[in-house]
Amino acid sequence: QNIIGQARFLRGHFYFELKKMFNMVPW
């Protein structure tokens, strides 16, 4: 759960970056 939680945190960060820059991006 710790490993998966870290990976999902990082993925959330990367998608946050894309969302605030480009808005509509593929998931």
mmCIF file of all heavy atoms, coordinates in Angstrom:
data_MODEL
# 
_entry.id   MODEL 
# 
loop_
_atom_site.group_PDB 
_atom_site.id 
_atom_site.type_symbol 
_atom_site.label_atom_id 
_atom_site.label_alt_id 
_atom_site.label_comp_id 
_atom_site.label_asym_id 
_atom_site.label_entity_id 
_atom_site.label_seq_id 
_atom_site.pdbx_PDB_ins_code 
_atom_site.Cartn_x 
_atom_site.Cartn_y 
_atom_site.Cartn_z 
_atom_site.occupancy 
_atom_site.B_iso_or_equiv 
_atom_site.pdbx_formal_charge 
_atom_site.auth_seq_id 
_atom_site.auth_comp_id 
_atom_site.auth_asym_id 
_atom_site.auth_atom_id 
_atom_site.pdbx_PDB_model_num 
ATOM 1   N N   . GLN A 1 1  ? 0.825   -1.211 0.000   1.00 0.00 ? 1  GLN A N   1 
ATOM 2   C CA  . GLN A 1 1  ? 0.000   0.000  0.000   1.00 0.00 ? 1  GLN A CA  1 
ATOM 3   C C   . GLN A 1 1  ? 0.855   1.255  0.000   1.00 0.00 ? 1  GLN A C   1 
ATOM 4   O O   . GLN A 1 1  ? 0.493   2.261  -0.612  1.00 0.00 ? 1  GLN A O   1 
ATOM 5   C CB  . GLN A 1 1  ? -0.938  -0.008 1.208   1.00 0.00 ? 1  GLN A CB  1 
ATOM 6   C CG  . GLN A 1 1  ? -2.034  -1.069 1.150   1.00 0.00 ? 1  GLN A CG  1 
ATOM 7   C CD  . GLN A 1 1  ? -2.885  -0.986 -0.106  1.00 0.00 ? 1  GLN A CD  1 
ATOM 8   O OE1 . GLN A 1 1  ? -2.577  -1.604 -1.140  1.00 0.00 ? 1  GLN A OE1 1 
ATOM 9   N NE2 . GLN A 1 1  ? -3.953  -0.211 -0.033  1.00 0.00 ? 1  GLN A NE2 1 
ATOM 10  N N   . ASN A 1 2  ? 1.986   1.205  0.668   1.00 0.00 ? 2  ASN A N   1 
ATOM 11  C CA  . ASN A 1 2  ? 2.900   2.350  0.668   1.00 0.00 ? 2  ASN A CA  1 
ATOM 12  C C   . ASN A 1 2  ? 3.440   2.590  -0.741  1.00 0.00 ? 2  ASN A C   1 
ATOM 13  O O   . ASN A 1 2  ? 3.463   3.721  -1.228  1.00 0.00 ? 2  ASN A O   1 
ATOM 14  C CB  . ASN A 1 2  ? 4.046   2.108  1.652   1.00 0.00 ? 2  ASN A CB  1 
ATOM 15  C CG  . ASN A 1 2  ? 4.887   3.340  1.914   1.00 0.00 ? 2  ASN A CG  1 
ATOM 16  O OD1 . ASN A 1 2  ? 4.755   4.374  1.261   1.00 0.00 ? 2  ASN A OD1 1 
ATOM 17  N ND2 . ASN A 1 2  ? 5.780   3.237  2.888   1.00 0.00 ? 2  ASN A ND2 1 
ATOM 18  N N   . ILE A 1 3  ? 3.877   1.543  -1.405  1.00 0.00 ? 3  ILE A N   1 
ATOM 19  C CA  . ILE A 1 3  ? 4.412   1.683  -2.765  1.00 0.00 ? 3  ILE A CA  1 
ATOM 20  C C   . ILE A 1 3  ? 3.332   2.169  -3.723  1.00 0.00 ? 3  ILE A C   1 
ATOM 21  O O   . ILE A 1 3  ? 3.551   3.098  -4.517  1.00 0.00 ? 3  ILE A O   1 
ATOM 22  C CB  . ILE A 1 3  ? 5.008   0.342  -3.238  1.00 0.00 ? 3  ILE A CB  1 
ATOM 23  C CG1 . ILE A 1 3  ? 6.313   0.062  -2.494  1.00 0.00 ? 3  ILE A CG1 1 
ATOM 24  C CG2 . ILE A 1 3  ? 5.244   0.340  -4.745  1.00 0.00 ? 3  ILE A CG2 1 
ATOM 25  C CD1 . ILE A 1 3  ? 6.860   -1.331 -2.709  1.00 0.00 ? 3  ILE A CD1 1 
ATOM 26  N N   . ILE A 1 4  ? 2.164   1.573  -3.655  1.00 0.00 ? 4  ILE A N   1 
ATOM 27  C CA  . ILE A 1 4  ? 1.075   1.995  -4.544  1.00 0.00 ? 4  ILE A CA  1 
ATOM 28  C C   . ILE A 1 4  ? 0.665   3.431  -4.221  1.00 0.00 ? 4  ILE A C   1 
ATOM 29  O O   . ILE A 1 4  ? 0.396   4.234  -5.127  1.00 0.00 ? 4  ILE A O   1 
ATOM 30  C CB  . ILE A 1 4  ? -0.122  1.033  -4.423  1.00 0.00 ? 4  ILE A CB  1 
ATOM 31  C CG1 . ILE A 1 4  ? 0.253   -0.348 -4.990  1.00 0.00 ? 4  ILE A CG1 1 
ATOM 32  C CG2 . ILE A 1 4  ? -1.343  1.583  -5.150  1.00 0.00 ? 4  ILE A CG2 1 
ATOM 33  C CD1 . ILE A 1 4  ? -0.811  -1.417 -4.783  1.00 0.00 ? 4  ILE A CD1 1 
ATOM 34  N N   . GLY A 1 5  ? 0.619   3.776  -2.936  1.00 0.00 ? 5  GLY A N   1 
ATOM 35  C CA  . GLY A 1 5  ? 0.263   5.141  -2.556  1.00 0.00 ? 5  GLY A CA  1 
ATOM 36  C C   . GLY A 1 5  ? 1.244   6.162  -3.087  1.00 0.00 ? 5  GLY A C   1 
ATOM 37  O O   . GLY A 1 5  ? 0.850   7.233  -3.581  1.00 0.00 ? 5  GLY A O   1 
ATOM 38  N N   . GLN A 1 6  ? 2.539   5.854  -3.011  1.00 0.00 ? 6  GLN A N   1 
ATOM 39  C CA  . GLN A 1 6  ? 3.542   6.772  -3.559  1.00 0.00 ? 6  GLN A CA  1 
ATOM 40  C C   . GLN A 1 6  ? 3.386   6.911  -5.072  1.00 0.00 ? 6  GLN A C   1 
ATOM 41  O O   . GLN A 1 6  ? 3.477   8.014  -5.622  1.00 0.00 ? 6  GLN A O   1 
ATOM 42  C CB  . GLN A 1 6  ? 4.945   6.283  -3.214  1.00 0.00 ? 6  GLN A CB  1 
ATOM 43  C CG  . GLN A 1 6  ? 5.316   6.410  -1.754  1.00 0.00 ? 6  GLN A CG  1 
ATOM 44  C CD  . GLN A 1 6  ? 6.710   5.888  -1.496  1.00 0.00 ? 6  GLN A CD  1 
ATOM 45  O OE1 . GLN A 1 6  ? 7.692   6.471  -1.953  1.00 0.00 ? 6  GLN A OE1 1 
ATOM 46  N NE2 . GLN A 1 6  ? 6.817   4.782  -0.761  1.00 0.00 ? 6  GLN A NE2 1 
ATOM 47  N N   . ALA A 1 7  ? 3.168   5.782  -5.750  1.00 0.00 ? 7  ALA A N   1 
ATOM 48  C CA  . ALA A 1 7  ? 3.016   5.830  -7.209  1.00 0.00 ? 7  ALA A CA  1 
ATOM 49  C C   . ALA A 1 7  ? 1.791   6.640  -7.609  1.00 0.00 ? 7  ALA A C   1 
ATOM 50  O O   . ALA A 1 7  ? 1.825   7.415  -8.580  1.00 0.00 ? 7  ALA A O   1 
ATOM 51  C CB  . ALA A 1 7  ? 2.940   4.420  -7.780  1.00 0.00 ? 7  ALA A CB  1 
ATOM 52  N N   . ARG A 1 8  ? 0.713   6.482  -6.874  1.00 0.00 ? 8  ARG A N   1 
ATOM 53  C CA  . ARG A 1 8  ? -0.494  7.249  -7.218  1.00 0.00 ? 8  ARG A CA  1 
ATOM 54  C C   . ARG A 1 8  ? -0.327  8.728  -6.875  1.00 0.00 ? 8  ARG A C   1 
ATOM 55  O O   . ARG A 1 8  ? -0.851  9.600  -7.568  1.00 0.00 ? 8  ARG A O   1 
ATOM 56  C CB  . ARG A 1 8  ? -1.724  6.634  -6.536  1.00 0.00 ? 8  ARG A CB  1 
ATOM 57  C CG  . ARG A 1 8  ? -2.073  5.270  -7.121  1.00 0.00 ? 8  ARG A CG  1 
ATOM 58  C CD  . ARG A 1 8  ? -3.423  4.763  -6.695  1.00 0.00 ? 8  ARG A CD  1 
ATOM 59  N NE  . ARG A 1 8  ? -4.527  5.540  -7.251  1.00 0.00 ? 8  ARG A NE  1 
ATOM 60  C CZ  . ARG A 1 8  ? -5.806  5.197  -7.150  1.00 0.00 ? 8  ARG A CZ  1 
ATOM 61  N NH1 . ARG A 1 8  ? -6.146  4.076  -6.498  1.00 0.00 ? 8  ARG A NH1 1 
ATOM 62  N NH2 . ARG A 1 8  ? -6.748  5.954  -7.663  1.00 0.00 ? 8  ARG A NH2 1 
ATOM 63  N N   . PHE A 1 9  ? 0.403   9.024  -5.802  1.00 0.00 ? 9  PHE A N   1 
ATOM 64  C CA  . PHE A 1 9  ? 0.728   10.425 -5.523  1.00 0.00 ? 9  PHE A CA  1 
ATOM 65  C C   . PHE A 1 9  ? 1.504   11.025 -6.692  1.00 0.00 ? 9  PHE A C   1 
ATOM 66  O O   . PHE A 1 9  ? 1.179   12.117 -7.166  1.00 0.00 ? 9  PHE A O   1 
ATOM 67  C CB  . PHE A 1 9  ? 1.555   10.524 -4.236  1.00 0.00 ? 9  PHE A CB  1 
ATOM 68  C CG  . PHE A 1 9  ? 2.077   11.909 -3.952  1.00 0.00 ? 9  PHE A CG  1 
ATOM 69  C CD1 . PHE A 1 9  ? 1.347   12.780 -3.171  1.00 0.00 ? 9  PHE A CD1 1 
ATOM 70  C CD2 . PHE A 1 9  ? 3.289   12.349 -4.481  1.00 0.00 ? 9  PHE A CD2 1 
ATOM 71  C CE1 . PHE A 1 9  ? 1.812   14.075 -2.922  1.00 0.00 ? 9  PHE A CE1 1 
ATOM 72  C CE2 . PHE A 1 9  ? 3.769   13.623 -4.235  1.00 0.00 ? 9  PHE A CE2 1 
ATOM 73  C CZ  . PHE A 1 9  ? 3.023   14.488 -3.450  1.00 0.00 ? 9  PHE A CZ  1 
ATOM 74  N N   . LEU A 1 10 ? 2.533   10.323 -7.140  1.00 0.00 ? 10 LEU A N   1 
ATOM 75  C CA  . LEU A 1 10 ? 3.344   10.842 -8.244  1.00 0.00 ? 10 LEU A CA  1 
ATOM 76  C C   . LEU A 1 10 ? 2.520   10.970 -9.512  1.00 0.00 ? 10 LEU A C   1 
ATOM 77  O O   . LEU A 1 10 ? 2.630   11.971 -10.241 1.00 0.00 ? 10 LEU A O   1 
ATOM 78  C CB  . LEU A 1 10 ? 4.549   9.927  -8.478  1.00 0.00 ? 10 LEU A CB  1 
ATOM 79  C CG  . LEU A 1 10 ? 5.567   9.850  -7.341  1.00 0.00 ? 10 LEU A CG  1 
ATOM 80  C CD1 . LEU A 1 10 ? 6.628   8.802  -7.652  1.00 0.00 ? 10 LEU A CD1 1 
ATOM 81  C CD2 . LEU A 1 10 ? 6.211   11.204 -7.088  1.00 0.00 ? 10 LEU A CD2 1 
ATOM 82  N N   . ARG A 1 11 ? 1.689   9.995  -9.794  1.00 0.00 ? 11 ARG A N   1 
ATOM 83  C CA  . ARG A 1 11 ? 0.844   10.092 -10.990 1.00 0.00 ? 11 ARG A CA  1 
ATOM 84  C C   . ARG A 1 11 ? -0.116  11.271 -10.867 1.00 0.00 ? 11 ARG A C   1 
ATOM 85  O O   . ARG A 1 11 ? -0.345  12.000 -11.840 1.00 0.00 ? 11 ARG A O   1 
ATOM 86  C CB  . ARG A 1 11 ? 0.075   8.795  -11.226 1.00 0.00 ? 11 ARG A CB  1 
ATOM 87  C CG  . ARG A 1 11 ? -0.695  8.796  -12.550 1.00 0.00 ? 11 ARG A CG  1 
ATOM 88  C CD  . ARG A 1 11 ? -1.301  7.449  -12.848 1.00 0.00 ? 11 ARG A CD  1 
ATOM 89  N NE  . ARG A 1 11 ? -2.376  7.097  -11.916 1.00 0.00 ? 11 ARG A NE  1 
ATOM 90  C CZ  . ARG A 1 11 ? -3.044  5.950  -11.959 1.00 0.00 ? 11 ARG A CZ  1 
ATOM 91  N NH1 . ARG A 1 11 ? -2.736  5.023  -12.873 1.00 0.00 ? 11 ARG A NH1 1 
ATOM 92  N NH2 . ARG A 1 11 ? -4.011  5.691  -11.085 1.00 0.00 ? 11 ARG A NH2 1 
ATOM 93  N N   . GLY A 1 12 ? -0.670  11.479 -9.678  1.00 0.00 ? 12 GLY A N   1 
ATOM 94  C CA  . GLY A 1 12 ? -1.533  12.643 -9.482  1.00 0.00 ? 12 GLY A CA  1 
ATOM 95  C C   . GLY A 1 12 ? -0.786  13.935 -9.753  1.00 0.00 ? 12 GLY A C   1 
ATOM 96  O O   . GLY A 1 12 ? -1.331  14.860 -10.371 1.00 0.00 ? 12 GLY A O   1 
ATOM 97  N N   . HIS A 1 13 ? 0.469   14.003 -9.299  1.00 0.00 ? 13 HIS A N   1 
ATOM 98  C CA  . HIS A 1 13 ? 1.288   15.198 -9.561  1.00 0.00 ? 13 HIS A CA  1 
ATOM 99  C C   . HIS A 1 13 ? 1.474   15.422 -11.054 1.00 0.00 ? 13 HIS A C   1 
ATOM 100 O O   . HIS A 1 13 ? 1.297   16.551 -11.548 1.00 0.00 ? 13 HIS A O   1 
ATOM 101 C CB  . HIS A 1 13 ? 2.643   15.054 -8.878  1.00 0.00 ? 13 HIS A CB  1 
ATOM 102 C CG  . HIS A 1 13 ? 3.681   15.999 -9.394  1.00 0.00 ? 13 HIS A CG  1 
ATOM 103 N ND1 . HIS A 1 13 ? 3.728   17.329 -9.052  1.00 0.00 ? 13 HIS A ND1 1 
ATOM 104 C CD2 . HIS A 1 13 ? 4.702   15.814 -10.290 1.00 0.00 ? 13 HIS A CD2 1 
ATOM 105 C CE1 . HIS A 1 13 ? 4.734   17.928 -9.677  1.00 0.00 ? 13 HIS A CE1 1 
ATOM 106 N NE2 . HIS A 1 13 ? 5.340   17.033 -10.439 1.00 0.00 ? 13 HIS A NE2 1 
ATOM 107 N N   . PHE A 1 14 ? 1.847   14.383 -11.788 1.00 0.00 ? 14 PHE A N   1 
ATOM 108 C CA  . PHE A 1 14 ? 2.095   14.551 -13.217 1.00 0.00 ? 14 PHE A CA  1 
ATOM 109 C C   . PHE A 1 14 ? 0.819   14.967 -13.951 1.00 0.00 ? 14 PHE A C   1 
ATOM 110 O O   . PHE A 1 14 ? 0.856   15.852 -14.817 1.00 0.00 ? 14 PHE A O   1 
ATOM 111 C CB  . PHE A 1 14 ? 2.650   13.254 -13.811 1.00 0.00 ? 14 PHE A CB  1 
ATOM 112 C CG  . PHE A 1 14 ? 4.048   12.930 -13.373 1.00 0.00 ? 14 PHE A CG  1 
ATOM 113 C CD1 . PHE A 1 14 ? 4.331   11.711 -12.763 1.00 0.00 ? 14 PHE A CD1 1 
ATOM 114 C CD2 . PHE A 1 14 ? 5.082   13.832 -13.546 1.00 0.00 ? 14 PHE A CD2 1 
ATOM 115 C CE1 . PHE A 1 14 ? 5.616   11.402 -12.352 1.00 0.00 ? 14 PHE A CE1 1 
ATOM 116 C CE2 . PHE A 1 14 ? 6.374   13.540 -13.131 1.00 0.00 ? 14 PHE A CE2 1 
ATOM 117 C CZ  . PHE A 1 14 ? 6.639   12.311 -12.540 1.00 0.00 ? 14 PHE A CZ  1 
ATOM 118 N N   . TYR A 1 15 ? -0.289  14.354 -13.613 1.00 0.00 ? 15 TYR A N   1 
ATOM 119 C CA  . TYR A 1 15 ? -1.538  14.746 -14.271 1.00 0.00 ? 15 TYR A CA  1 
ATOM 120 C C   . TYR A 1 15 ? -1.977  16.149 -13.856 1.00 0.00 ? 15 TYR A C   1 
ATOM 121 O O   . TYR A 1 15 ? -2.573  16.886 -14.659 1.00 0.00 ? 15 TYR A O   1 
ATOM 122 C CB  . TYR A 1 15 ? -2.643  13.722 -13.991 1.00 0.00 ? 15 TYR A CB  1 
ATOM 123 C CG  . TYR A 1 15 ? -2.641  12.579 -14.978 1.00 0.00 ? 15 TYR A CG  1 
ATOM 124 C CD1 . TYR A 1 15 ? -2.469  11.260 -14.560 1.00 0.00 ? 15 TYR A CD1 1 
ATOM 125 C CD2 . TYR A 1 15 ? -2.822  12.801 -16.346 1.00 0.00 ? 15 TYR A CD2 1 
ATOM 126 C CE1 . TYR A 1 15 ? -2.464  10.205 -15.461 1.00 0.00 ? 15 TYR A CE1 1 
ATOM 127 C CE2 . TYR A 1 15 ? -2.824  11.752 -17.255 1.00 0.00 ? 15 TYR A CE2 1 
ATOM 128 C CZ  . TYR A 1 15 ? -2.635  10.461 -16.816 1.00 0.00 ? 15 TYR A CZ  1 
ATOM 129 O OH  . TYR A 1 15 ? -2.642  9.427  -17.725 1.00 0.00 ? 15 TYR A OH  1 
ATOM 130 N N   . PHE A 1 16 ? -1.697  16.537 -12.616 1.00 0.00 ? 16 PHE A N   1 
ATOM 131 C CA  . PHE A 1 16 ? -1.995  17.912 -12.196 1.00 0.00 ? 16 PHE A CA  1 
ATOM 132 C C   . PHE A 1 16 ? -1.219  18.896 -13.063 1.00 0.00 ? 16 PHE A C   1 
ATOM 133 O O   . PHE A 1 16 ? -1.765  19.922 -13.499 1.00 0.00 ? 16 PHE A O   1 
ATOM 134 C CB  . PHE A 1 16 ? -1.640  18.094 -10.723 1.00 0.00 ? 16 PHE A CB  1 
ATOM 135 C CG  . PHE A 1 16 ? -2.179  19.351 -10.095 1.00 0.00 ? 16 PHE A CG  1 
ATOM 136 C CD1 . PHE A 1 16 ? -3.283  19.310 -9.278  1.00 0.00 ? 16 PHE A CD1 1 
ATOM 137 C CD2 . PHE A 1 16 ? -1.575  20.585 -10.327 1.00 0.00 ? 16 PHE A CD2 1 
ATOM 138 C CE1 . PHE A 1 16 ? -3.782  20.468 -8.689  1.00 0.00 ? 16 PHE A CE1 1 
ATOM 139 C CE2 . PHE A 1 16 ? -2.067  21.748 -9.755  1.00 0.00 ? 16 PHE A CE2 1 
ATOM 140 C CZ  . PHE A 1 16 ? -3.177  21.688 -8.934  1.00 0.00 ? 16 PHE A CZ  1 
ATOM 141 N N   . GLU A 1 17 ? 0.064   18.601 -13.314 1.00 0.00 ? 17 GLU A N   1 
ATOM 142 C CA  . GLU A 1 17 ? 0.875   19.446 -14.177 1.00 0.00 ? 17 GLU A CA  1 
ATOM 143 C C   . GLU A 1 17 ? 0.240   19.583 -15.562 1.00 0.00 ? 17 GLU A C   1 
ATOM 144 O O   . GLU A 1 17 ? 0.131   20.679 -16.110 1.00 0.00 ? 17 GLU A O   1 
ATOM 145 C CB  . GLU A 1 17 ? 2.289   18.858 -14.308 1.00 0.00 ? 17 GLU A CB  1 
ATOM 146 C CG  . GLU A 1 17 ? 3.168   19.057 -13.104 1.00 0.00 ? 17 GLU A CG  1 
ATOM 147 C CD  . GLU A 1 17 ? 3.668   20.486 -13.007 1.00 0.00 ? 17 GLU A CD  1 
ATOM 148 O OE1 . GLU A 1 17 ? 4.533   20.884 -13.805 1.00 0.00 ? 17 GLU A OE1 1 
ATOM 149 O OE2 . GLU A 1 17 ? 3.171   21.204 -12.130 1.00 0.00 ? 17 GLU A OE2 1 
ATOM 150 N N   . LEU A 1 18 ? -0.154  18.470 -16.132 1.00 0.00 ? 18 LEU A N   1 
ATOM 151 C CA  . LEU A 1 18 ? -0.749  18.489 -17.472 1.00 0.00 ? 18 LEU A CA  1 
ATOM 152 C C   . LEU A 1 18 ? -2.087  19.219 -17.469 1.00 0.00 ? 18 LEU A C   1 
ATOM 153 O O   . LEU A 1 18 ? -2.390  19.984 -18.392 1.00 0.00 ? 18 LEU A O   1 
ATOM 154 C CB  . LEU A 1 18 ? -0.940  17.060 -17.979 1.00 0.00 ? 18 LEU A CB  1 
ATOM 155 C CG  . LEU A 1 18 ? 0.340   16.311 -18.357 1.00 0.00 ? 18 LEU A CG  1 
ATOM 156 C CD1 . LEU A 1 18 ? 0.060   14.820 -18.467 1.00 0.00 ? 18 LEU A CD1 1 
ATOM 157 C CD2 . LEU A 1 18 ? 0.912   16.841 -19.666 1.00 0.00 ? 18 LEU A CD2 1 
ATOM 158 N N   . LYS A 1 19 ? -2.890  18.987 -16.448 1.00 0.00 ? 19 LYS A N   1 
ATOM 159 C CA  . LYS A 1 19 ? -4.218  19.592 -16.379 1.00 0.00 ? 19 LYS A CA  1 
ATOM 160 C C   . LYS A 1 19 ? -4.127  21.113 -16.309 1.00 0.00 ? 19 LYS A C   1 
ATOM 161 O O   . LYS A 1 19 ? -4.851  21.821 -17.014 1.00 0.00 ? 19 LYS A O   1 
ATOM 162 C CB  . LYS A 1 19 ? -4.969  19.048 -15.151 1.00 0.00 ? 19 LYS A CB  1 
ATOM 163 C CG  . LYS A 1 19 ? -6.355  19.633 -14.936 1.00 0.00 ? 19 LYS A CG  1 
ATOM 164 C CD  . LYS A 1 19 ? -7.325  19.232 -16.034 1.00 0.00 ? 19 LYS A CD  1 
ATOM 165 C CE  . LYS A 1 19 ? -8.717  19.781 -15.755 1.00 0.00 ? 19 LYS A CE  1 
ATOM 166 N NZ  . LYS A 1 19 ? -9.645  19.492 -16.865 1.00 0.00 ? 19 LYS A NZ  1 
ATOM 167 N N   . LYS A 1 20 ? -3.248  21.634 -15.457 1.00 0.00 ? 20 LYS A N   1 
ATOM 168 C CA  . LYS A 1 20 ? -3.190  23.087 -15.307 1.00 0.00 ? 20 LYS A CA  1 
ATOM 169 C C   . LYS A 1 20 ? -2.562  23.748 -16.538 1.00 0.00 ? 20 LYS A C   1 
ATOM 170 O O   . LYS A 1 20 ? -2.833  24.918 -16.805 1.00 0.00 ? 20 LYS A O   1 
ATOM 171 C CB  . LYS A 1 20 ? -2.443  23.472 -14.031 1.00 0.00 ? 20 LYS A CB  1 
ATOM 172 C CG  . LYS A 1 20 ? -0.950  23.248 -14.030 1.00 0.00 ? 20 LYS A CG  1 
ATOM 173 C CD  . LYS A 1 20 ? -0.338  23.601 -12.679 1.00 0.00 ? 20 LYS A CD  1 
ATOM 174 C CE  . LYS A 1 20 ? 1.179   23.454 -12.693 1.00 0.00 ? 20 LYS A CE  1 
ATOM 175 N NZ  . LYS A 1 20 ? 1.799   23.729 -11.383 1.00 0.00 ? 20 LYS A NZ  1 
ATOM 176 N N   . MET A 1 21 ? -1.759  23.001 -17.297 1.00 0.00 ? 21 MET A N   1 
ATOM 177 C CA  . MET A 1 21 ? -1.155  23.572 -18.498 1.00 0.00 ? 21 MET A CA  1 
ATOM 178 C C   . MET A 1 21 ? -2.042  23.449 -19.726 1.00 0.00 ? 21 MET A C   1 
ATOM 179 O O   . MET A 1 21 ? -2.242  24.407 -20.466 1.00 0.00 ? 21 MET A O   1 
ATOM 180 C CB  . MET A 1 21 ? 0.198   22.899 -18.786 1.00 0.00 ? 21 MET A CB  1 
ATOM 181 C CG  . MET A 1 21 ? 1.335   23.464 -17.960 1.00 0.00 ? 21 MET A CG  1 
ATOM 182 S SD  . MET A 1 21 ? 2.962   23.073 -18.619 1.00 0.00 ? 21 MET A SD  1 
ATOM 183 C CE  . MET A 1 21 ? 2.927   23.892 -20.207 1.00 0.00 ? 21 MET A CE  1 
ATOM 184 N N   . PHE A 1 22 ? -2.578  22.232 -19.960 1.00 0.00 ? 22 PHE A N   1 
ATOM 185 C CA  . PHE A 1 22 ? -3.261  21.950 -21.222 1.00 0.00 ? 22 PHE A CA  1 
ATOM 186 C C   . PHE A 1 22 ? -4.758  21.691 -21.070 1.00 0.00 ? 22 PHE A C   1 
ATOM 187 O O   . PHE A 1 22 ? -5.468  21.609 -22.075 1.00 0.00 ? 22 PHE A O   1 
ATOM 188 C CB  . PHE A 1 22 ? -2.618  20.727 -21.889 1.00 0.00 ? 22 PHE A CB  1 
ATOM 189 C CG  . PHE A 1 22 ? -1.155  20.886 -22.182 1.00 0.00 ? 22 PHE A CG  1 
ATOM 190 C CD1 . PHE A 1 22 ? -0.204  20.171 -21.464 1.00 0.00 ? 22 PHE A CD1 1 
ATOM 191 C CD2 . PHE A 1 22 ? -0.715  21.739 -23.179 1.00 0.00 ? 22 PHE A CD2 1 
ATOM 192 C CE1 . PHE A 1 22 ? 1.152   20.300 -21.733 1.00 0.00 ? 22 PHE A CE1 1 
ATOM 193 C CE2 . PHE A 1 22 ? 0.638   21.877 -23.459 1.00 0.00 ? 22 PHE A CE2 1 
ATOM 194 C CZ  . PHE A 1 22 ? 1.569   21.156 -22.740 1.00 0.00 ? 22 PHE A CZ  1 
ATOM 195 N N   . ASN A 1 23 ? -5.239  21.541 -19.860 1.00 0.00 ? 23 ASN A N   1 
ATOM 196 C CA  . ASN A 1 23 ? -6.632  21.290 -19.535 1.00 0.00 ? 23 ASN A CA  1 
ATOM 197 C C   . ASN A 1 23 ? -7.082  19.907 -19.985 1.00 0.00 ? 23 ASN A C   1 
ATOM 198 O O   . ASN A 1 23 ? -7.073  18.976 -19.202 1.00 0.00 ? 23 ASN A O   1 
ATOM 199 C CB  . ASN A 1 23 ? -7.551  22.386 -20.102 1.00 0.00 ? 23 ASN A CB  1 
ATOM 200 C CG  . ASN A 1 23 ? -8.975  22.266 -19.579 1.00 0.00 ? 23 ASN A CG  1 
ATOM 201 O OD1 . ASN A 1 23 ? -9.202  21.700 -18.511 1.00 0.00 ? 23 ASN A OD1 1 
ATOM 202 N ND2 . ASN A 1 23 ? -9.943  22.788 -20.309 1.00 0.00 ? 23 ASN A ND2 1 
ATOM 203 N N   . MET A 1 24 ? -7.466  19.734 -21.240 1.00 0.00 ? 24 MET A N   1 
ATOM 204 C CA  . MET A 1 24 ? -8.006  18.464 -21.716 1.00 0.00 ? 24 MET A CA  1 
ATOM 205 C C   . MET A 1 24 ? -6.869  17.579 -22.227 1.00 0.00 ? 24 MET A C   1 
ATOM 206 O O   . MET A 1 24 ? -6.305  17.824 -23.295 1.00 0.00 ? 24 MET A O   1 
ATOM 207 C CB  . MET A 1 24 ? -9.042  18.698 -22.799 1.00 0.00 ? 24 MET A CB  1 
ATOM 208 C CG  . MET A 1 24 ? -10.220 19.545 -22.352 1.00 0.00 ? 24 MET A CG  1 
ATOM 209 S SD  . MET A 1 24 ? -11.123 18.840 -20.934 1.00 0.00 ? 24 MET A SD  1 
ATOM 210 C CE  . MET A 1 24 ? -11.932 17.439 -21.714 1.00 0.00 ? 24 MET A CE  1 
ATOM 211 N N   . VAL A 1 25 ? -6.540  16.575 -21.429 1.00 0.00 ? 25 VAL A N   1 
ATOM 212 C CA  . VAL A 1 25 ? -5.455  15.665 -21.787 1.00 0.00 ? 25 VAL A CA  1 
ATOM 213 C C   . VAL A 1 25 ? -5.956  14.230 -21.636 1.00 0.00 ? 25 VAL A C   1 
ATOM 214 O O   . VAL A 1 25 ? -6.880  13.954 -20.862 1.00 0.00 ? 25 VAL A O   1 
ATOM 215 C CB  . VAL A 1 25 ? -4.213  15.893 -20.900 1.00 0.00 ? 25 VAL A CB  1 
ATOM 216 C CG1 . VAL A 1 25 ? -3.680  17.305 -21.072 1.00 0.00 ? 25 VAL A CG1 1 
ATOM 217 C CG2 . VAL A 1 25 ? -4.513  15.604 -19.430 1.00 0.00 ? 25 VAL A CG2 1 
ATOM 218 N N   . PRO A 1 26 ? -5.370  13.286 -22.363 1.00 0.00 ? 26 PRO A N   1 
ATOM 219 C CA  . PRO A 1 26 ? -5.828  11.894 -22.259 1.00 0.00 ? 26 PRO A CA  1 
ATOM 220 C C   . PRO A 1 26 ? -5.416  11.259 -20.943 1.00 0.00 ? 26 PRO A C   1 
ATOM 221 O O   . PRO A 1 26 ? -4.294  11.463 -20.471 1.00 0.00 ? 26 PRO A O   1 
ATOM 222 C CB  . PRO A 1 26 ? -5.148  11.207 -23.448 1.00 0.00 ? 26 PRO A CB  1 
ATOM 223 C CG  . PRO A 1 26 ? -3.963  12.048 -23.764 1.00 0.00 ? 26 PRO A CG  1 
ATOM 224 C CD  . PRO A 1 26 ? -4.337  13.456 -23.410 1.00 0.00 ? 26 PRO A CD  1 
ATOM 225 N N   . TRP A 1 27 ? -6.332  10.483 -20.371 1.00 0.00 ? 27 TRP A N   1 
ATOM 226 C CA  . TRP A 1 27 ? -6.031  9.745  -19.148 1.00 0.00 ? 27 TRP A CA  1 
ATOM 227 C C   . TRP A 1 27 ? -5.550  8.349  -19.522 1.00 0.00 ? 27 TRP A C   1 
ATOM 228 O O   . TRP A 1 27 ? -6.246  7.595  -20.197 1.00 0.00 ? 27 TRP A O   1 
ATOM 229 C CB  . TRP A 1 27 ? -7.263  9.645  -18.256 1.00 0.00 ? 27 TRP A CB  1 
ATOM 230 C CG  . TRP A 1 27 ? -7.008  8.844  -17.018 1.00 0.00 ? 27 TRP A CG  1 
ATOM 231 C CD1 . TRP A 1 27 ? -7.257  7.522  -16.817 1.00 0.00 ? 27 TRP A CD1 1 
ATOM 232 C CD2 . TRP A 1 27 ? -6.437  9.325  -15.794 1.00 0.00 ? 27 TRP A CD2 1 
ATOM 233 N NE1 . TRP A 1 27 ? -6.882  7.142  -15.556 1.00 0.00 ? 27 TRP A NE1 1 
ATOM 234 C CE2 . TRP A 1 27 ? -6.377  8.230  -14.901 1.00 0.00 ? 27 TRP A CE2 1 
ATOM 235 C CE3 . TRP A 1 27 ? -5.978  10.566 -15.373 1.00 0.00 ? 27 TRP A CE3 1 
ATOM 236 C CZ2 . TRP A 1 27 ? -5.863  8.344  -13.604 1.00 0.00 ? 27 TRP A CZ2 1 
ATOM 237 C CZ3 . TRP A 1 27 ? -5.467  10.688 -14.080 1.00 0.00 ? 27 TRP A CZ3 1 
ATOM 238 C CH2 . TRP A 1 27 ? -5.426  9.599  -13.212 1.00 0.00 ? 27 TRP A CH2 1 
# 
